[in-house]
């Protein structure tokens, strides 16, 4: 929006300083007039030694010098005000320069305002912190966009290859072709839906209600039980009621993704133990109030702490890329992390010594929806 040009803040501050100085001088002169000159007689007083100056004589001698003093005060106020305003507004100049650089796309610039802690220093530190978060967000978005483009390109390339083969081979198996295309299309649709869910999951919900995570865990495991049985995995749900404050649909998606991730990556346990996925819910009472906790633990291959630290990144998986029998788009834990952060909670991933992963989610507690 185009705005008309206005007077700069420095000029306005300078005029304000000068006005304060001049008004102060006028007040002092007024005090002199009220408490001194008015007591001098207005008529001419004659004495043997000569005449005494009356009020008119004093005013005639005093006013020109008072006006000259006011002019000096005005000039000094303007000059001093200009210098002082420049020093006071110097931090804003640095902030303006930084903002313009950021507007051109230079997110690496920082103000780094020196000096003691004051309002300008706090503003500059907040600006730098905002740039840090913005830079991290942009970097994550760029990385996410690159990964998403790569992942979406794969099913499209497979589809094109299958269609070219079908075009060049008139005797192809039509049923096999349709089945292959349906499989590739399903994966592309699942990936797109996961991307949309991930974009929505990071928004902080405005309307929340109490949600019992124990019931949510039972619902999620019941839905995924056929998948676990088909893979020969034992699925256990234990614990007590754990009431969290949030959006039921998102919290159900959170638990479902954790359990699904634990099932599809539960392969080749190195300890020889049975393949197991255990879901535990509980309520912890901390200094800042109750906390609802859900823990999903699964057996599987040994994971390094360095690899575990990257699992919440989009398209990261615990086992080298994707096995052919693994469902999912590589966004499960990324969605979990986004939902947890939107609900002001924490997500912790720890590798099991004998192989597998332990995912612990802590969310702010709420009143028990069942009234227990």
Protein backbone atom coordinates (compact mmCIF):
# COMPACT_ATOMS: atom_id res chain seq x y z
CA UNK A 1 0.00 0.00 0.00
CA UNK A 2 1.37 3.41 -1.03
CA UNK A 3 1.50 5.93 1.79
CA UNK A 4 2.26 9.65 1.66
CA UNK A 5 5.70 10.69 2.85
CA UNK A 6 5.83 11.79 6.47
CA UNK A 7 8.26 13.54 8.77
CA UNK A 8 11.01 11.25 10.01
CA UNK A 9 11.09 10.16 13.64
CA UNK A 10 14.50 11.80 14.07
CA UNK A 11 13.14 15.18 12.96
CA UNK A 12 10.14 14.84 15.25
CA UNK A 13 12.32 13.91 18.20
CA UNK A 14 14.64 16.83 17.43
CA UNK A 15 11.72 19.28 17.36
CA UNK A 16 10.42 17.77 20.58
CA UNK A 17 13.78 18.23 22.33
CA UNK A 18 14.07 21.82 21.05
CA UNK A 19 10.51 22.58 22.09
CA UNK A 20 11.19 21.29 25.61
CA UNK A 21 14.30 23.46 25.89
CA UNK A 22 12.54 26.61 24.61
CA UNK A 23 9.46 26.06 26.77
CA UNK A 24 11.72 25.58 29.78
CA UNK A 25 13.45 28.91 28.99
CA UNK A 26 10.13 30.71 28.60
CA UNK A 27 8.96 29.30 31.94
CA UNK A 28 12.14 30.56 33.63
CA UNK A 29 11.65 34.00 32.12
CA UNK A 30 8.04 33.95 33.25
CA UNK A 31 9.19 33.12 36.76
CA UNK A 32 11.59 36.08 36.66
CA UNK A 33 8.75 38.37 35.51
CA UNK A 34 6.25 37.15 38.07
CA UNK A 35 8.52 37.05 41.08
CA UNK A 36 10.92 39.92 40.32
CA UNK A 37 9.99 42.53 37.74
CA UNK A 38 6.43 43.02 38.89
CA UNK A 39 7.71 44.33 42.24
CA UNK A 40 9.67 47.12 40.52
CA UNK A 41 7.66 50.39 40.44
CA UNK A 42 6.37 51.44 37.04
CA UNK A 43 6.76 55.22 37.69
CA UNK A 44 10.02 57.13 37.58
CA UNK A 45 11.79 57.31 40.96
CA UNK A 46 14.11 60.28 41.61
CA UNK A 47 16.76 60.34 44.28
CA UNK A 48 19.43 62.85 45.26
CA UNK A 49 22.06 60.72 43.59
CA UNK A 50 20.00 60.43 40.41
CA UNK A 51 17.05 58.52 39.01
CA UNK A 52 16.44 54.81 39.73
CA UNK A 53 15.52 52.48 36.81
CA UNK A 54 11.83 51.71 36.83
CA UNK A 55 10.03 48.66 35.42
CA UNK A 56 10.02 50.01 31.87
CA UNK A 57 13.76 50.54 31.94
CA UNK A 58 14.37 47.02 33.18
CA UNK A 59 12.03 45.49 30.60
CA UNK A 60 13.69 47.51 27.82
CA UNK A 61 17.09 46.21 28.90
CA UNK A 62 15.95 42.64 29.74
CA UNK A 63 13.71 41.62 26.82
CA UNK A 64 16.30 41.80 23.96
CA UNK A 65 18.75 39.71 25.97
CA UNK A 66 16.00 37.24 26.92
CA UNK A 67 15.01 36.87 23.25
CA UNK A 68 18.65 36.31 22.31
CA UNK A 69 18.93 33.69 25.03
CA UNK A 70 15.83 31.92 23.73
CA UNK A 71 17.30 31.91 20.22
CA UNK A 72 20.49 30.36 21.56
CA UNK A 73 18.46 27.78 23.47
CA UNK A 74 16.48 26.98 20.32
CA UNK A 75 19.63 26.44 18.25
CA UNK A 76 21.23 24.40 21.00
CA UNK A 77 18.03 22.36 21.41
CA UNK A 78 17.86 21.64 17.67
CA UNK A 79 21.54 20.68 17.41
CA UNK A 80 21.57 18.66 20.62
CA UNK A 81 18.24 17.06 19.83
CA UNK A 82 19.44 16.01 16.37
CA UNK A 83 22.54 14.35 17.83
CA UNK A 84 20.68 12.71 20.70
CA UNK A 85 17.90 11.45 18.42
CA UNK A 86 20.51 9.96 16.10
CA UNK A 87 22.14 8.07 18.96
CA UNK A 88 18.81 6.87 20.35
CA UNK A 89 17.54 5.71 16.94
CA UNK A 90 20.79 4.04 15.85
CA UNK A 91 19.57 0.57 16.95
CA UNK A 92 16.40 1.05 14.90
CA UNK A 93 18.54 1.86 11.89
CA UNK A 94 20.35 -1.45 12.32
CA UNK A 95 17.04 -3.24 12.68
CA UNK A 96 15.69 -1.55 9.55
CA UNK A 97 18.78 -2.57 7.58
CA UNK A 98 18.45 -6.13 8.81
CA UNK A 99 14.74 -6.22 7.94
CA UNK A 100 15.46 -5.01 4.41
CA UNK A 101 18.13 -7.67 3.96
CA UNK A 102 15.72 -10.31 5.19
CA UNK A 103 13.13 -8.98 2.75
CA UNK A 104 15.56 -9.66 -0.11
CA UNK A 105 15.96 -13.27 1.05
CA UNK A 106 19.11 -12.98 3.18
CA UNK A 107 18.03 -14.98 6.24
CA UNK A 108 21.62 -15.39 7.44
CA UNK A 109 21.94 -11.74 8.55
CA UNK A 110 21.67 -11.01 12.28
CA UNK A 111 21.53 -7.70 14.18
CA UNK A 112 23.78 -8.71 17.11
CA UNK A 113 23.11 -5.41 18.87
CA UNK A 114 25.83 -4.65 21.45
CA UNK A 115 25.38 -2.84 24.75
CA UNK A 116 23.42 -3.34 27.91
CA UNK A 117 20.04 -4.98 28.20
CA UNK A 118 17.36 -2.40 27.35
CA UNK A 119 14.24 -2.19 25.19
CA UNK A 120 16.20 -1.93 21.93
CA UNK A 121 18.50 -4.78 22.88
CA UNK A 122 15.49 -6.96 23.75
CA UNK A 123 13.87 -6.05 20.43
CA UNK A 124 17.05 -6.91 18.51
CA UNK A 125 17.44 -10.23 20.35
CA UNK A 126 13.80 -11.08 19.63
CA UNK A 127 14.36 -10.19 15.96
CA UNK A 128 17.44 -12.44 15.80
CA UNK A 129 15.56 -15.28 17.50
CA UNK A 130 12.73 -14.86 15.00
CA UNK A 131 15.24 -15.09 12.13
CA UNK A 132 16.73 -18.24 13.65
CA UNK A 133 13.30 -19.89 13.78
CA UNK A 134 12.39 -18.61 10.32
CA UNK A 135 15.66 -19.87 8.85
CA UNK A 136 15.19 -23.28 10.42
CA UNK A 137 11.59 -23.39 9.17
CA UNK A 138 12.56 -22.42 5.62
CA UNK A 139 15.39 -24.94 5.62
CA UNK A 140 13.04 -27.67 6.82
CA UNK A 141 10.45 -26.71 4.21
CA UNK A 142 13.02 -26.75 1.42
CA UNK A 143 14.30 -30.13 2.55
CA UNK A 144 10.75 -31.40 2.85
CA UNK A 145 9.83 -30.12 -0.62
CA UNK A 146 12.90 -31.77 -2.13
CA UNK A 147 12.14 -35.08 -0.43
CA UNK A 148 8.46 -34.90 -1.34
CA UNK A 149 9.30 -34.17 -4.98
CA UNK A 150 11.64 -37.15 -5.05
CA UNK A 151 9.11 -39.47 -3.42
CA UNK A 152 6.26 -38.38 -5.70
CA UNK A 153 8.45 -38.71 -8.79
CA UNK A 154 9.05 -42.41 -8.08
CA UNK A 155 5.45 -43.68 -8.47
CA UNK A 156 4.95 -41.44 -11.50
CA UNK A 157 8.08 -42.84 -13.12
CA UNK A 158 6.97 -46.40 -12.38
CA UNK A 159 3.54 -45.68 -13.87
CA UNK A 160 5.11 -44.27 -17.02
CA UNK A 161 7.41 -47.27 -17.38
CA UNK A 162 4.54 -49.75 -16.96
CA UNK A 163 2.45 -47.89 -19.55
CA UNK A 164 5.34 -47.78 -22.04
CA UNK A 165 5.90 -51.51 -21.62
CA UNK A 166 2.19 -52.13 -22.17
CA UNK A 167 2.24 -49.95 -25.27
CA UNK A 168 5.20 -51.77 -26.78
CA UNK A 169 3.94 -55.25 -25.83
CA UNK A 170 0.45 -55.88 -27.23
CA UNK A 171 0.38 -59.35 -25.65
CA UNK A 172 0.89 -58.10 -22.11
CA UNK A 173 -1.04 -59.44 -19.14
CA UNK A 174 -3.78 -56.84 -18.72
CA UNK A 175 -4.76 -57.99 -15.23
CA UNK A 176 -1.16 -57.78 -14.00
CA UNK A 177 -0.80 -54.34 -15.57
CA UNK A 178 -3.95 -53.05 -13.88
CA UNK A 179 -2.88 -54.53 -10.56
CA UNK A 180 0.54 -52.91 -10.82
CA UNK A 181 -0.93 -49.53 -11.74
CA UNK A 182 -3.43 -49.73 -8.89
CA UNK A 183 -0.64 -50.51 -6.44
CA UNK A 184 1.48 -47.60 -7.64
CA UNK A 185 -1.51 -45.25 -7.69
CA UNK A 186 -2.49 -46.28 -4.16
CA UNK A 187 1.00 -45.46 -2.92
CA UNK A 188 0.90 -42.04 -4.63
CA UNK A 189 -2.53 -41.28 -3.13
CA UNK A 190 -1.38 -42.38 0.33
CA UNK A 191 1.69 -40.20 0.05
CA UNK A 192 -0.37 -37.18 -1.03
CA UNK A 193 -2.83 -37.65 1.82
CA UNK A 194 0.05 -37.99 4.27
CA UNK A 195 1.56 -34.76 2.98
CA UNK A 196 -1.76 -32.94 3.46
CA UNK A 197 -2.15 -34.37 6.95
CA UNK A 198 1.37 -33.32 7.85
CA UNK A 199 0.70 -29.75 6.69
CA UNK A 200 -2.45 -29.58 8.84
CA UNK A 201 -1.04 -31.40 11.87
CA UNK A 202 1.40 -28.60 12.70
CA UNK A 203 -1.36 -26.03 13.26
CA UNK A 204 -2.10 -25.29 16.89
CA UNK A 205 -5.71 -26.38 17.56
CA UNK A 206 -7.94 -23.70 19.03
CA UNK A 207 -10.66 -26.05 20.33
CA UNK A 208 -9.53 -28.86 22.60
CA UNK A 209 -11.31 -31.41 24.71
CA UNK A 210 -10.30 -34.16 27.15
CA UNK A 211 -9.19 -37.33 25.37
CA UNK A 212 -8.44 -40.60 27.17
CA UNK A 213 -5.29 -41.90 25.49
CA UNK A 214 -5.92 -45.40 26.85
CA UNK A 215 -9.14 -45.61 24.82
CA UNK A 216 -7.38 -44.04 21.86
CA UNK A 217 -4.63 -46.67 22.09
CA UNK A 218 -7.21 -49.48 22.20
CA UNK A 219 -8.95 -48.07 19.11
CA UNK A 220 -5.69 -47.72 17.19
CA UNK A 221 -4.43 -51.20 18.07
CA UNK A 222 -7.79 -52.77 17.24
CA UNK A 223 -7.62 -51.20 13.79
CA UNK A 224 -4.05 -52.37 13.22
CA UNK A 225 -4.44 -55.84 14.78
CA UNK A 226 -4.97 -57.62 11.41
CA UNK A 227 -1.76 -56.08 10.08
CA UNK A 228 0.15 -57.21 13.17
CA UNK A 229 -1.27 -60.75 13.00
CA UNK A 230 -0.43 -61.01 9.33
CA UNK A 231 3.19 -60.23 10.19
CA UNK A 232 3.31 -62.53 13.19
CA UNK A 233 3.68 -59.69 15.68
CA UNK A 234 2.26 -59.77 19.21
CA UNK A 235 0.36 -56.55 19.96
CA UNK A 236 -0.11 -55.63 23.64
CA UNK A 237 -1.96 -52.71 25.25
CA UNK A 238 -1.41 -52.03 28.95
CA UNK A 239 -1.54 -49.14 31.39
CA UNK A 240 -4.12 -46.91 32.98
CA UNK A 241 -6.34 -44.03 31.93
CA UNK A 242 -4.40 -41.05 30.61
CA UNK A 243 -6.48 -37.97 29.86
CA UNK A 244 -4.91 -35.39 27.54
CA UNK A 245 -6.22 -32.09 26.23
CA UNK A 246 -6.41 -32.00 22.46
CA UNK A 247 -8.24 -32.85 19.25
CA UNK A 248 -9.48 -36.48 19.30
CA UNK A 249 -8.93 -37.10 15.57
CA UNK A 250 -5.34 -35.82 15.67
CA UNK A 251 -4.48 -37.74 18.83
CA UNK A 252 -5.93 -40.92 17.30
CA UNK A 253 -3.78 -40.32 14.23
CA UNK A 254 -0.77 -39.80 16.52
CA UNK A 255 -1.19 -43.14 18.29
CA UNK A 256 -2.11 -44.94 15.06
CA UNK A 257 1.04 -43.71 13.35
CA UNK A 258 3.21 -44.76 16.29
CA UNK A 259 1.73 -48.27 16.37
CA UNK A 260 1.80 -48.59 12.57
CA UNK A 261 5.44 -47.53 12.49
CA UNK A 262 6.26 -50.05 15.23
CA UNK A 263 4.58 -52.84 13.24
CA UNK A 264 5.98 -52.22 9.76
CA UNK A 265 9.55 -51.75 11.03
CA UNK A 266 9.41 -54.68 13.45
CA UNK A 267 11.69 -56.99 11.49
CA UNK A 268 14.57 -59.30 12.33
CA UNK A 269 15.01 -58.76 16.08
CA UNK A 270 18.68 -59.37 16.82
CA UNK A 271 18.06 -60.76 20.32
CA UNK A 272 15.96 -63.71 19.11
CA UNK A 273 12.97 -62.53 21.15
CA UNK A 274 9.44 -62.72 19.85
CA UNK A 275 8.36 -59.85 17.65
CA UNK A 276 6.42 -57.55 19.92
CA UNK A 277 4.71 -54.16 19.96
CA UNK A 278 3.68 -52.91 23.41
CA UNK A 279 1.56 -49.79 23.98
CA UNK A 280 1.45 -48.36 27.51
CA UNK A 281 -0.52 -45.37 28.77
CA UNK A 282 -0.21 -43.59 32.11
CA UNK A 283 -0.65 -40.27 33.88
CA UNK A 284 2.28 -38.54 35.54
CA UNK A 285 1.85 -35.77 38.10
CA UNK A 286 4.57 -33.13 37.75
CA UNK A 287 5.11 -29.73 39.36
CA UNK A 288 3.28 -28.00 36.51
CA UNK A 289 0.30 -30.37 36.58
CA UNK A 290 -0.72 -33.79 35.24
CA UNK A 291 0.88 -35.15 32.09
CA UNK A 292 -0.65 -37.87 29.91
CA UNK A 293 1.91 -40.35 28.60
CA UNK A 294 1.75 -42.97 25.88
CA UNK A 295 4.72 -45.26 25.23
CA UNK A 296 5.01 -47.47 22.12
CA UNK A 297 7.81 -50.03 22.26
CA UNK A 298 8.73 -52.49 19.54
CA UNK A 299 11.38 -55.07 18.84
CA UNK A 300 13.41 -55.00 15.67
CA UNK A 301 16.89 -54.30 14.35
CA UNK A 302 19.41 -52.37 16.41
CA UNK A 303 19.24 -48.63 15.71
CA UNK A 304 22.02 -46.14 16.39
CA UNK A 305 21.28 -42.94 18.35
CA UNK A 306 22.38 -40.92 15.31
CA UNK A 307 19.79 -42.64 13.11
CA UNK A 308 17.05 -42.34 15.75
CA UNK A 309 17.64 -38.57 15.93
CA UNK A 310 16.62 -38.25 12.26
CA UNK A 311 13.50 -40.43 12.32
CA UNK A 312 11.08 -37.51 12.75
CA UNK A 313 12.34 -36.00 9.50
CA UNK A 314 9.97 -36.59 6.56
CA UNK A 315 10.75 -39.73 4.50
CA UNK A 316 13.28 -41.04 7.02
CA UNK A 317 12.98 -44.71 7.93
CA UNK A 318 14.69 -46.87 10.49
CA UNK A 319 15.69 -49.56 8.01
CA UNK A 320 17.54 -48.79 4.82
CA UNK A 321 14.97 -47.08 2.64
CA UNK A 322 11.72 -49.02 2.13
CA UNK A 323 11.18 -52.74 2.06
CA UNK A 324 8.75 -53.98 -0.52
CA UNK A 325 6.45 -55.31 2.18
CA UNK A 326 6.38 -52.10 4.19
CA UNK A 327 3.41 -49.83 3.88
CA UNK A 328 3.58 -46.12 4.47
CA UNK A 329 5.07 -43.04 2.92
CA UNK A 330 7.84 -42.35 5.40
CA UNK A 331 5.83 -39.59 7.07
CA UNK A 332 4.49 -41.43 10.11
CA UNK A 333 6.84 -40.08 12.77
CA UNK A 334 6.99 -36.68 11.07
CA UNK A 335 3.21 -36.42 11.48
CA UNK A 336 3.48 -37.61 15.09
CA UNK A 337 6.08 -34.95 15.81
CA UNK A 338 3.92 -32.24 14.23
CA UNK A 339 0.82 -33.30 16.21
CA UNK A 340 2.79 -33.43 19.46
CA UNK A 341 4.23 -29.94 18.96
CA UNK A 342 0.80 -28.56 18.04
CA UNK A 343 -0.50 -29.92 21.38
CA UNK A 344 2.41 -28.43 23.38
CA UNK A 345 3.78 -31.89 24.13
CA UNK A 346 7.09 -33.70 23.72
CA UNK A 347 8.17 -36.70 21.66
CA UNK A 348 11.19 -38.77 22.66
CA UNK A 349 12.67 -41.61 20.63
CA UNK A 350 15.13 -44.02 22.25
CA UNK A 351 16.75 -47.11 20.70
CA UNK A 352 16.36 -50.36 22.60
CA UNK A 353 19.59 -52.10 23.54
CA UNK A 354 18.35 -55.43 22.18
CA UNK A 355 16.97 -53.79 19.02
CA UNK A 356 13.91 -51.78 18.17
CA UNK A 357 12.60 -48.44 19.30
CA UNK A 358 10.83 -46.83 22.27
CA UNK A 359 8.65 -43.81 21.42
CA UNK A 360 7.42 -41.75 24.40
CA UNK A 361 4.82 -39.01 23.97
CA UNK A 362 3.95 -36.65 26.82
CA UNK A 363 0.99 -34.28 26.49
CA UNK A 364 -0.55 -31.76 28.89
CA UNK A 365 -3.13 -33.51 31.03
CA UNK A 366 -6.82 -32.70 31.30
CA UNK A 367 -9.81 -33.68 33.40
CA UNK A 368 -10.75 -37.32 32.90
CA UNK A 369 -13.44 -37.38 30.18
CA UNK A 370 -15.05 -40.39 31.90
CA UNK A 371 -15.18 -38.55 35.21
CA UNK A 372 -12.94 -41.10 36.94
